[in-house]
């Protein structure tokens, strides 16, 4: 339990300090998705599914920003999660349009069979003042 808390705290520190493509005064909703792939999922299949996820930005107009990356932490606390995706929305209302969107559903149906676990955290940004 403590390791999961450390992982989440580390992720949130990164999001608050390092991942901000919007003006400092803006408040947005971040939809954070972490993937732990099944052992049998090939690198080629992972790449294909990542491309599919990336394509959602051009297919779902409420997505303001979509970032992703592979874990490079040296702390050893990733719990098997290797890929992180951060989808930014202007509001909870936009996120609520995204979740049931047909393109999102197609992606979900294609990726779920290849995942051991998925973790999703949504939060509304709080600005840290200097």
Protein backbone atom coordinates (compact mmCIF):
# COMPACT_ATOMS: atom_id res chain seq x y z
CA UNK A 1 0.00 0.00 0.00
CA UNK A 2 2.79 2.43 0.90
CA UNK A 3 4.56 1.79 -2.41
CA UNK A 4 1.37 2.61 -4.33
CA UNK A 5 1.09 5.85 -2.40
CA UNK A 6 4.70 6.72 -3.26
CA UNK A 7 4.04 5.92 -6.93
CA UNK A 8 0.97 8.14 -7.02
CA UNK A 9 2.73 11.00 -5.20
CA UNK A 10 5.65 10.79 -7.64
CA UNK A 11 3.24 10.82 -10.58
CA UNK A 12 1.36 13.82 -9.26
CA UNK A 13 4.56 15.78 -8.58
CA UNK A 14 5.56 15.17 -12.20
CA UNK A 15 2.16 16.24 -13.46
CA UNK A 16 2.07 19.41 -11.39
CA UNK A 17 5.63 20.51 -12.10
CA UNK A 18 6.67 19.02 -15.41
CA UNK A 19 3.66 18.46 -17.60
CA UNK A 20 1.86 21.69 -18.25
CA UNK A 21 1.10 22.84 -21.78
CA UNK A 22 -1.52 25.32 -20.61
CA UNK A 23 -1.12 28.79 -19.10
CA UNK A 24 -0.27 28.90 -15.40
CA UNK A 25 -3.62 30.48 -14.56
CA UNK A 26 -5.70 27.75 -16.27
CA UNK A 27 -7.40 24.95 -14.41
CA UNK A 28 -7.84 21.74 -16.41
CA UNK A 29 -8.78 18.14 -15.84
CA UNK A 30 -6.02 15.58 -16.29
CA UNK A 31 -7.02 12.01 -17.11
CA UNK A 32 -4.02 9.84 -16.24
CA UNK A 33 -3.90 6.27 -17.55
CA UNK A 34 -1.20 3.73 -16.68
CA UNK A 35 -0.79 0.42 -18.52
CA UNK A 36 0.70 -2.85 -17.32
CA UNK A 37 0.89 -5.08 -20.37
CA UNK A 38 0.36 -8.83 -20.37
CA UNK A 39 3.66 -10.67 -20.66
CA UNK A 40 2.68 -12.13 -24.03
CA UNK A 41 1.92 -8.74 -25.59
CA UNK A 42 4.60 -8.13 -28.20
CA UNK A 43 6.46 -4.85 -28.65
CA UNK A 44 4.87 -4.57 -32.10
CA UNK A 45 1.38 -4.91 -30.64
CA UNK A 46 2.20 -2.34 -27.94
CA UNK A 47 3.41 0.10 -30.61
CA UNK A 48 0.24 -0.45 -32.64
CA UNK A 49 -1.99 0.17 -29.61
CA UNK A 50 -0.03 3.25 -28.58
CA UNK A 51 -0.50 4.67 -32.09
CA UNK A 52 -4.21 3.94 -31.78
CA UNK A 53 -4.34 5.82 -28.44
CA UNK A 54 -2.43 8.76 -29.93
CA UNK A 55 -4.90 8.93 -32.82
CA UNK A 56 -7.73 9.74 -30.42
CA UNK A 57 -6.52 13.35 -30.22
CA UNK A 58 -7.46 13.92 -33.86
CA UNK A 59 -10.72 11.98 -33.56
CA UNK A 60 -12.21 13.40 -30.34
CA UNK A 61 -12.37 17.17 -30.36
CA UNK A 62 -12.72 17.65 -26.56
CA UNK A 63 -9.15 16.39 -26.05
CA UNK A 64 -7.04 19.50 -25.45
CA UNK A 65 -3.73 17.66 -25.14
CA UNK A 66 -2.49 14.07 -25.14
CA UNK A 67 0.93 13.10 -23.84
CA UNK A 68 2.47 9.71 -23.28
CA UNK A 69 5.69 8.02 -22.40
CA UNK A 70 7.39 4.89 -21.19
CA UNK A 71 8.56 4.53 -17.61
CA UNK A 72 12.20 5.50 -17.10
CA UNK A 73 12.14 5.75 -13.30
CA UNK A 74 15.13 4.39 -11.40
CA UNK A 75 13.15 4.02 -8.16
CA UNK A 76 11.70 0.59 -8.98
CA UNK A 77 8.21 1.56 -7.80
CA UNK A 78 6.25 1.24 -11.05
CA UNK A 79 4.47 -1.97 -9.95
CA UNK A 80 4.61 -3.27 -13.52
CA UNK A 81 3.07 -0.18 -15.11
CA UNK A 82 5.30 0.75 -18.03
CA UNK A 83 3.34 3.30 -20.06
CA UNK A 84 1.63 6.50 -18.96
CA UNK A 85 -0.88 8.53 -20.97
CA UNK A 86 -2.11 11.95 -19.89
CA UNK A 87 -5.20 13.31 -21.58
CA UNK A 88 -6.09 16.92 -20.80
CA UNK A 89 -9.61 18.33 -20.89
CA UNK A 90 -10.86 21.82 -20.10
CA UNK A 91 -13.52 20.46 -17.78
CA UNK A 92 -15.21 17.43 -16.27
CA UNK A 93 -17.95 17.91 -18.86
CA UNK A 94 -15.43 17.38 -21.68
CA UNK A 95 -14.04 14.28 -19.95
CA UNK A 96 -17.62 13.01 -19.64
CA UNK A 97 -18.00 13.37 -23.42
CA UNK A 98 -14.71 11.51 -24.03
CA UNK A 99 -15.39 8.44 -21.85
CA UNK A 100 -18.43 7.12 -23.80
CA UNK A 101 -17.22 8.46 -27.17
CA UNK A 102 -17.38 5.71 -29.84
CA UNK A 103 -13.70 6.17 -30.80
CA UNK A 104 -12.65 5.80 -27.15
CA UNK A 105 -14.80 2.68 -26.83
CA UNK A 106 -13.19 1.13 -29.94
CA UNK A 107 -9.76 1.82 -28.49
CA UNK A 108 -10.73 0.35 -25.12
CA UNK A 109 -12.05 -2.80 -26.75
CA UNK A 110 -8.79 -3.21 -28.69
CA UNK A 111 -6.40 -2.61 -25.78
CA UNK A 112 -8.08 -4.39 -22.84
CA UNK A 113 -7.22 -7.94 -24.04
CA UNK A 114 -3.53 -6.96 -23.95
CA UNK A 115 -3.47 -5.44 -20.45
CA UNK A 116 -2.68 -7.13 -17.18
CA UNK A 117 -3.77 -4.01 -15.30
CA UNK A 118 -4.80 -0.45 -15.98
CA UNK A 119 -4.88 2.43 -13.51
CA UNK A 120 -6.86 5.60 -14.13
CA UNK A 121 -6.73 8.77 -12.04
CA UNK A 122 -8.54 11.98 -12.91
CA UNK A 123 -7.86 15.26 -11.16
CA UNK A 124 -8.51 18.95 -11.58
CA UNK A 125 -5.24 20.84 -11.52
CA UNK A 126 -4.35 23.02 -8.57
CA UNK A 127 -1.70 25.61 -9.27
CA UNK A 128 1.37 25.80 -7.04
CA UNK A 129 2.18 29.45 -6.58
CA UNK A 130 5.79 30.59 -6.59
